[in-house]
């Protein structure tokens, strides 16, 4: 589904990625692990088209996504990819449902249709009673579920998550990880997750370990 070959990336003279090959299959949870500084987040950003490699190829379902014009790439990212971050990145002035529908509105979906889909997702995620609450009124675990719903709103091909449970306690971490597997099973969702959480990495369908800019 997602195929990256010979990915290299430098920042100045510092070589971060040194020839990465990685393949992600549909309906797979793939975890990328390794020590801080190994290049995990840089790789995730390139796989998610948030950054470009210096050398290498990247294809999603056979479509080359390196070198696409900026506006088309943003549209591609909005329609095909979802993102979950460690610190939620919710807009504080917006309610839960307003945060969730933003990617759909950007993608041209009508507000009514976006709200209907958001309501369904939030209900599935156990957040149907929190639609009108703002992030400051929600726990960390609840905020992360809002972020998951936002990532799912456009029915993406693949979701990229950067330390999604890194800011949660063990109970909320376990619940979030279980949720990923429910989404995989019930929605055929595919995940690429950078994590330091060993239990999640061991549960994953595939685990890639990085060291010094390479997969070992």
C-alpha atoms as a PDB file:
ATOM      1  CA  UNK A   1       0.000   0.000   0.000  1.00  0.00           C
ATOM      2  CA  UNK A   2       2.743   2.440   1.034  1.00  0.00           C
ATOM      3  CA  UNK A   3       6.213   1.804  -0.365  1.00  0.00           C
ATOM      4  CA  UNK A   4       9.269   3.943   0.415  1.00  0.00           C
ATOM      5  CA  UNK A   5      12.635   3.133  -1.131  1.00  0.00           C
ATOM      6  CA  UNK A   6      16.124   4.474  -0.440  1.00  0.00           C
ATOM      7  CA  UNK A   7      14.923   7.445   1.630  1.00  0.00           C
ATOM      8  CA  UNK A   8      17.731   9.847   2.537  1.00  0.00           C
ATOM      9  CA  UNK A   9      17.390  13.107   4.461  1.00  0.00           C
ATOM     10  CA  UNK A  10      19.927  15.679   5.636  1.00  0.00           C
ATOM     11  CA  UNK A  11      19.524  18.860   7.650  1.00  0.00           C
ATOM     12  CA  UNK A  12      22.611  20.901   6.852  1.00  0.00           C
ATOM     13  CA  UNK A  13      25.529  18.514   7.216  1.00  0.00           C
ATOM     14  CA  UNK A  14      23.660  16.216   9.594  1.00  0.00           C
ATOM     15  CA  UNK A  15      22.456  13.065   7.867  1.00  0.00           C
ATOM     16  CA  UNK A  16      19.244  11.932   9.568  1.00  0.00           C
ATOM     17  CA  UNK A  17      18.021   9.140   7.270  1.00  0.00           C
ATOM     18  CA  UNK A  18      20.545   6.935   5.495  1.00  0.00           C
ATOM     19  CA  UNK A  19      18.694   4.865   2.938  1.00  0.00           C
ATOM     20  CA  UNK A  20      15.380   3.658   4.385  1.00  0.00           C
ATOM     21  CA  UNK A  21      13.261   0.985   2.681  1.00  0.00           C
ATOM     22  CA  UNK A  22       9.848   0.353   4.221  1.00  0.00           C
ATOM     23  CA  UNK A  23       6.600  -1.235   3.032  1.00  0.00           C
ATOM     24  CA  UNK A  24       3.244  -0.846   4.789  1.00  0.00           C
ATOM     25  CA  UNK A  25       0.366  -3.155   3.875  1.00  0.00           C
ATOM     26  CA  UNK A  26      -3.340  -2.331   4.020  1.00  0.00           C
ATOM     27  CA  UNK A  27      -5.076  -3.030   7.347  1.00  0.00           C
ATOM     28  CA  UNK A  28      -1.729  -3.228   9.118  1.00  0.00           C
ATOM     29  CA  UNK A  29      -0.534  -1.587  12.307  1.00  0.00           C
ATOM     30  CA  UNK A  30       3.159  -0.868  11.857  1.00  0.00           C
ATOM     31  CA  UNK A  31       5.217   0.552  14.710  1.00  0.00           C
ATOM     32  CA  UNK A  32       8.528   2.354  14.323  1.00  0.00           C
ATOM     33  CA  UNK A  33      10.699   2.189  17.436  1.00  0.00           C
ATOM     34  CA  UNK A  34      14.191   3.261  18.434  1.00  0.00           C
ATOM     35  CA  UNK A  35      16.121   5.606  20.679  1.00  0.00           C
ATOM     36  CA  UNK A  36      15.612   9.373  20.553  1.00  0.00           C
ATOM     37  CA  UNK A  37      17.553  10.804  17.621  1.00  0.00           C
ATOM     38  CA  UNK A  38      17.304   7.637  15.525  1.00  0.00           C
ATOM     39  CA  UNK A  39      15.266   9.469  12.849  1.00  0.00           C
ATOM     40  CA  UNK A  40      11.809   8.056  13.602  1.00  0.00           C
ATOM     41  CA  UNK A  41       9.840  11.318  13.466  1.00  0.00           C
ATOM     42  CA  UNK A  42      11.726  12.511  10.374  1.00  0.00           C
ATOM     43  CA  UNK A  43      10.805   9.249   8.627  1.00  0.00           C
ATOM     44  CA  UNK A  44       7.174   9.557   9.716  1.00  0.00           C
ATOM     45  CA  UNK A  45       6.991  13.119   8.397  1.00  0.00           C
ATOM     46  CA  UNK A  46       8.364  12.016   5.021  1.00  0.00           C
ATOM     47  CA  UNK A  47       6.009   9.025   4.803  1.00  0.00           C
ATOM     48  CA  UNK A  48       3.156  11.404   5.634  1.00  0.00           C
ATOM     49  CA  UNK A  49       4.296  13.959   2.995  1.00  0.00           C
ATOM     50  CA  UNK A  50       4.877  16.633   5.643  1.00  0.00           C
ATOM     51  CA  UNK A  51       8.518  16.733   4.519  1.00  0.00           C
ATOM     52  CA  UNK A  52      10.358  15.714   1.363  1.00  0.00           C
ATOM     53  CA  UNK A  53      13.349  13.350   1.147  1.00  0.00           C
ATOM     54  CA  UNK A  54      16.582  14.454  -0.488  1.00  0.00           C
ATOM     55  CA  UNK A  55      16.754  11.105  -2.302  1.00  0.00           C
ATOM     56  CA  UNK A  56      14.272   8.276  -2.621  1.00  0.00           C
ATOM     57  CA  UNK A  57      10.823   7.292  -3.844  1.00  0.00           C
ATOM     58  CA  UNK A  58       7.459   7.152  -2.072  1.00  0.00           C
ATOM     59  CA  UNK A  59       4.302   5.582  -3.479  1.00  0.00           C
ATOM     60  CA  UNK A  60       0.796   5.162  -2.092  1.00  0.00           C
ATOM     61  CA  UNK A  61      -1.256   2.537  -3.930  1.00  0.00           C
ATOM     62  CA  UNK A  62       1.164   2.790  -6.849  1.00  0.00           C
ATOM     63  CA  UNK A  63       0.938   6.580  -7.097  1.00  0.00           C
ATOM     64  CA  UNK A  64       4.218   8.480  -6.849  1.00  0.00           C
ATOM     65  CA  UNK A  65       3.831  11.253  -4.256  1.00  0.00           C
ATOM     66  CA  UNK A  66       7.310  12.751  -4.385  1.00  0.00           C
ATOM     67  CA  UNK A  67       7.514  16.064  -6.181  1.00  0.00           C
ATOM     68  CA  UNK A  68       3.767  16.699  -6.451  1.00  0.00           C
ATOM     69  CA  UNK A  69       2.983  20.402  -6.710  1.00  0.00           C
ATOM     70  CA  UNK A  70       2.385  21.945  -3.276  1.00  0.00           C
ATOM     71  CA  UNK A  71      -1.339  22.678  -3.631  1.00  0.00           C
ATOM     72  CA  UNK A  72      -2.097  19.226  -5.067  1.00  0.00           C
ATOM     73  CA  UNK A  73      -0.018  17.619  -2.327  1.00  0.00           C
ATOM     74  CA  UNK A  74      -2.009  19.439   0.357  1.00  0.00           C
ATOM     75  CA  UNK A  75      -5.227  18.214  -1.267  1.00  0.00           C
ATOM     76  CA  UNK A  76      -3.841  14.659  -1.469  1.00  0.00           C
ATOM     77  CA  UNK A  77      -2.840  14.781   2.196  1.00  0.00           C
ATOM     78  CA  UNK A  78      -6.278  16.057   3.219  1.00  0.00           C
ATOM     79  CA  UNK A  79      -8.125  13.324   1.306  1.00  0.00           C
ATOM     80  CA  UNK A  80      -5.834  10.318   1.742  1.00  0.00           C
ATOM     81  CA  UNK A  81      -3.926  10.716   5.022  1.00  0.00           C
ATOM     82  CA  UNK A  82      -4.755  11.201   8.683  1.00  0.00           C
ATOM     83  CA  UNK A  83      -2.518  12.404  11.515  1.00  0.00           C
ATOM     84  CA  UNK A  84      -2.464  11.959  15.298  1.00  0.00           C
ATOM     85  CA  UNK A  85       0.089  13.843  17.389  1.00  0.00           C
ATOM     86  CA  UNK A  86       1.356  13.423  20.945  1.00  0.00           C
ATOM     87  CA  UNK A  87      -0.098  16.729  22.176  1.00  0.00           C
ATOM     88  CA  UNK A  88      -3.450  16.442  20.372  1.00  0.00           C
ATOM     89  CA  UNK A  89      -3.078  19.785  18.474  1.00  0.00           C
ATOM     90  CA  UNK A  90      -6.739  20.648  19.072  1.00  0.00           C
ATOM     91  CA  UNK A  91      -7.865  24.233  18.608  1.00  0.00           C
ATOM     92  CA  UNK A  92      -8.795  25.464  22.106  1.00  0.00           C
ATOM     93  CA  UNK A  93     -11.541  27.858  21.021  1.00  0.00           C
ATOM     94  CA  UNK A  94     -13.454  25.143  19.116  1.00  0.00           C
ATOM     95  CA  UNK A  95     -15.721  22.417  20.517  1.00  0.00           C
ATOM     96  CA  UNK A  96     -14.953  18.732  20.079  1.00  0.00           C
ATOM     97  CA  UNK A  97     -17.193  18.366  17.038  1.00  0.00           C
ATOM     98  CA  UNK A  98     -15.850  21.582  15.484  1.00  0.00           C
ATOM     99  CA  UNK A  99     -12.288  20.305  15.832  1.00  0.00           C
ATOM    100  CA  UNK A 100     -13.242  17.003  14.233  1.00  0.00           C
ATOM    101  CA  UNK A 101     -14.969  18.458  11.167  1.00  0.00           C
ATOM    102  CA  UNK A 102     -12.176  20.880  10.174  1.00  0.00           C
ATOM    103  CA  UNK A 103     -10.400  18.521   7.714  1.00  0.00           C
ATOM    104  CA  UNK A 104     -13.754  17.670   6.112  1.00  0.00           C
ATOM    105  CA  UNK A 105     -14.649  21.344   5.647  1.00  0.00           C
ATOM    106  CA  UNK A 106     -11.212  22.005   4.155  1.00  0.00           C
ATOM    107  CA  UNK A 107     -11.860  19.104   1.779  1.00  0.00           C
ATOM    108  CA  UNK A 108     -15.107  20.669   0.557  1.00  0.00           C
ATOM    109  CA  UNK A 109     -17.631  18.561   2.488  1.00  0.00           C
ATOM    110  CA  UNK A 110     -20.793  20.410   3.529  1.00  0.00           C
ATOM    111  CA  UNK A 111     -21.005  21.354   7.196  1.00  0.00           C
ATOM    112  CA  UNK A 112     -24.151  19.271   7.744  1.00  0.00           C
ATOM    113  CA  UNK A 113     -22.579  16.146   6.230  1.00  0.00           C
ATOM    114  CA  UNK A 114     -19.353  16.712   8.161  1.00  0.00           C
ATOM    115  CA  UNK A 115     -21.205  17.069  11.466  1.00  0.00           C
ATOM    116  CA  UNK A 116     -23.223  13.901  10.768  1.00  0.00           C
ATOM    117  CA  UNK A 117     -20.015  11.919  10.120  1.00  0.00           C
ATOM    118  CA  UNK A 118     -18.306  13.485  13.167  1.00  0.00           C
ATOM    119  CA  UNK A 119     -21.264  12.588  15.397  1.00  0.00           C
ATOM    120  CA  UNK A 120     -21.045   8.960  14.220  1.00  0.00           C
ATOM    121  CA  UNK A 121     -17.292   8.782  14.799  1.00  0.00           C
ATOM    122  CA  UNK A 122     -17.430  10.398  18.212  1.00  0.00           C
ATOM    123  CA  UNK A 123     -20.230   8.073  19.242  1.00  0.00           C
ATOM    124  CA  UNK A 124     -18.157   5.067  18.110  1.00  0.00           C
ATOM    125  CA  UNK A 125     -15.201   6.411  20.099  1.00  0.00           C
ATOM    126  CA  UNK A 126     -17.306   6.770  23.237  1.00  0.00           C
ATOM    127  CA  UNK A 127     -17.356  10.575  23.010  1.00  0.00           C
ATOM    128  CA  UNK A 128     -20.938  11.139  21.914  1.00  0.00           C
ATOM    129  CA  UNK A 129     -21.700  12.914  25.212  1.00  0.00           C
ATOM    130  CA  UNK A 130     -18.813  15.397  24.728  1.00  0.00           C
ATOM    131  CA  UNK A 131     -19.669  16.936  21.348  1.00  0.00           C
ATOM    132  CA  UNK A 132     -19.998  20.507  22.596  1.00  0.00           C
ATOM    133  CA  UNK A 133     -17.147  20.459  25.096  1.00  0.00           C
ATOM    134  CA  UNK A 134     -13.981  22.442  24.419  1.00  0.00           C
ATOM    135  CA  UNK A 135     -10.527  20.840  24.842  1.00  0.00           C
ATOM    136  CA  UNK A 136      -9.985  22.530  28.223  1.00  0.00           C
ATOM    137  CA  UNK A 137     -13.093  20.703  29.512  1.00  0.00           C
ATOM    138  CA  UNK A 138     -11.781  17.277  28.462  1.00  0.00           C
ATOM    139  CA  UNK A 139      -9.252  14.885  29.967  1.00  0.00           C
ATOM    140  CA  UNK A 140      -6.068  13.980  28.104  1.00  0.00           C
ATOM    141  CA  UNK A 141      -7.536  10.656  27.016  1.00  0.00           C
ATOM    142  CA  UNK A 142     -10.716  12.349  25.789  1.00  0.00           C
ATOM    143  CA  UNK A 143      -8.720  14.947  23.860  1.00  0.00           C
ATOM    144  CA  UNK A 144      -6.764  12.204  22.133  1.00  0.00           C
ATOM    145  CA  UNK A 145     -10.012  10.481  21.107  1.00  0.00           C
ATOM    146  CA  UNK A 146     -11.122  13.764  19.554  1.00  0.00           C
ATOM    147  CA  UNK A 147      -7.812  13.833  17.675  1.00  0.00           C
ATOM    148  CA  UNK A 148      -8.434  10.262  16.482  1.00  0.00           C
ATOM    149  CA  UNK A 149     -11.907  11.224  15.207  1.00  0.00           C
ATOM    150  CA  UNK A 150     -10.380  14.213  13.383  1.00  0.00           C
ATOM    151  CA  UNK A 151      -7.836  11.892  11.735  1.00  0.00           C
ATOM    152  CA  UNK A 152     -10.662   9.575  10.604  1.00  0.00           C
ATOM    153  CA  UNK A 153     -13.154  12.183   9.355  1.00  0.00           C
ATOM    154  CA  UNK A 154     -12.095  12.011   5.680  1.00  0.00           C
ATOM    155  CA  UNK A 155     -11.825   8.180   5.678  1.00  0.00           C
ATOM    156  CA  UNK A 156      -8.075   8.249   4.993  1.00  0.00           C
ATOM    157  CA  UNK A 157      -6.126   5.440   3.365  1.00  0.00           C
ATOM    158  CA  UNK A 158      -3.595   5.512   6.179  1.00  0.00           C
ATOM    159  CA  UNK A 159      -3.115   7.211   9.564  1.00  0.00           C
ATOM    160  CA  UNK A 160       0.256   8.394  10.856  1.00  0.00           C
ATOM    161  CA  UNK A 161       0.669   8.756  14.612  1.00  0.00           C
ATOM    162  CA  UNK A 162       3.670  10.303  16.373  1.00  0.00           C
ATOM    163  CA  UNK A 163       3.891   9.120  20.002  1.00  0.00           C
ATOM    164  CA  UNK A 164       0.072   9.146  20.271  1.00  0.00           C
ATOM    165  CA  UNK A 165       0.072   7.803  23.834  1.00  0.00           C
ATOM    166  CA  UNK A 166       3.235   9.597  24.957  1.00  0.00           C
ATOM    167  CA  UNK A 167       1.274  12.196  26.922  1.00  0.00           C
ATOM    168  CA  UNK A 168      -1.206   9.758  28.497  1.00  0.00           C
ATOM    169  CA  UNK A 169      -1.216   7.690  31.686  1.00  0.00           C
ATOM    170  CA  UNK A 170      -1.040   3.905  31.405  1.00  0.00           C
ATOM    171  CA  UNK A 171      -4.830   3.369  31.559  1.00  0.00           C
ATOM    172  CA  UNK A 172      -5.560   5.876  28.804  1.00  0.00           C
ATOM    173  CA  UNK A 173      -2.603   4.571  26.787  1.00  0.00           C
ATOM    174  CA  UNK A 174      -3.960   1.026  26.911  1.00  0.00           C
ATOM    175  CA  UNK A 175      -7.437   2.220  25.906  1.00  0.00           C
ATOM    176  CA  UNK A 176      -6.014   4.196  22.974  1.00  0.00           C
ATOM    177  CA  UNK A 177      -3.989   1.218  21.766  1.00  0.00           C
ATOM    178  CA  UNK A 178      -7.043  -1.047  21.973  1.00  0.00           C
ATOM    179  CA  UNK A 179      -8.943   1.558  19.971  1.00  0.00           C
ATOM    180  CA  UNK A 180      -6.377   1.407  17.145  1.00  0.00           C
ATOM    181  CA  UNK A 181      -6.915  -2.340  16.837  1.00  0.00           C
ATOM    182  CA  UNK A 182     -10.709  -1.911  16.873  1.00  0.00           C
ATOM    183  CA  UNK A 183     -10.400   0.630  14.064  1.00  0.00           C
ATOM    184  CA  UNK A 184      -8.179  -1.757  12.128  1.00  0.00           C
ATOM    185  CA  UNK A 185     -10.648  -4.614  12.511  1.00  0.00           C
ATOM    186  CA  UNK A 186     -13.902  -2.688  12.027  1.00  0.00           C
ATOM    187  CA  UNK A 187     -12.842  -0.044   9.463  1.00  0.00           C
ATOM    188  CA  UNK A 188      -9.881  -1.821   7.784  1.00  0.00           C
ATOM    189  CA  UNK A 189      -7.773   1.114   8.954  1.00  0.00           C
ATOM    190  CA  UNK A 190      -4.003   1.197   8.442  1.00  0.00           C
ATOM    191  CA  UNK A 191      -1.648   2.815  10.963  1.00  0.00           C
ATOM    192  CA  UNK A 192       2.012   3.801  11.014  1.00  0.00           C
ATOM    193  CA  UNK A 193       2.952   4.675  14.584  1.00  0.00           C
ATOM    194  CA  UNK A 194       6.160   6.076  16.043  1.00  0.00           C
ATOM    195  CA  UNK A 195       6.264   4.994  19.669  1.00  0.00           C
ATOM    196  CA  UNK A 196       8.413   4.376  22.725  1.00  0.00           C
ATOM    197  CA  UNK A 197       5.633   2.190  24.162  1.00  0.00           C
ATOM    198  CA  UNK A 198       6.965  -1.378  24.118  1.00  0.00           C
ATOM    199  CA  UNK A 199       3.600  -3.041  24.734  1.00  0.00           C
ATOM    200  CA  UNK A 200       2.069  -1.308  21.685  1.00  0.00           C
ATOM    201  CA  UNK A 201       5.100  -2.165  19.546  1.00  0.00           C
ATOM    202  CA  UNK A 202       4.871  -5.836  20.525  1.00  0.00           C
ATOM    203  CA  UNK A 203       1.130  -5.909  19.708  1.00  0.00           C
ATOM    204  CA  UNK A 204       1.677  -4.421  16.247  1.00  0.00           C
ATOM    205  CA  UNK A 205       1.524  -6.467  13.047  1.00  0.00           C
ATOM    206  CA  UNK A 206       5.045  -5.355  12.214  1.00  0.00           C
ATOM    207  CA  UNK A 207       7.749  -3.533  14.161  1.00  0.00           C
ATOM    208  CA  UNK A 208      10.545  -1.561  12.522  1.00  0.00           C
ATOM    209  CA  UNK A 209      13.486  -0.670  14.735  1.00  0.00           C
ATOM    210  CA  UNK A 210      15.605   2.324  13.792  1.00  0.00           C
ATOM    211  CA  UNK A 211      19.171   3.128  14.803  1.00  0.00           C
ATOM    212  CA  UNK A 212      21.370   5.930  13.473  1.00  0.00           C
ATOM    213  CA  UNK A 213      19.096   6.712  10.533  1.00  0.00           C
ATOM    214  CA  UNK A 214      18.655   3.132   9.361  1.00  0.00           C
ATOM    215  CA  UNK A 215      16.195   0.298   9.929  1.00  0.00           C
ATOM    216  CA  UNK A 216      18.022  -2.553  11.645  1.00  0.00           C
END
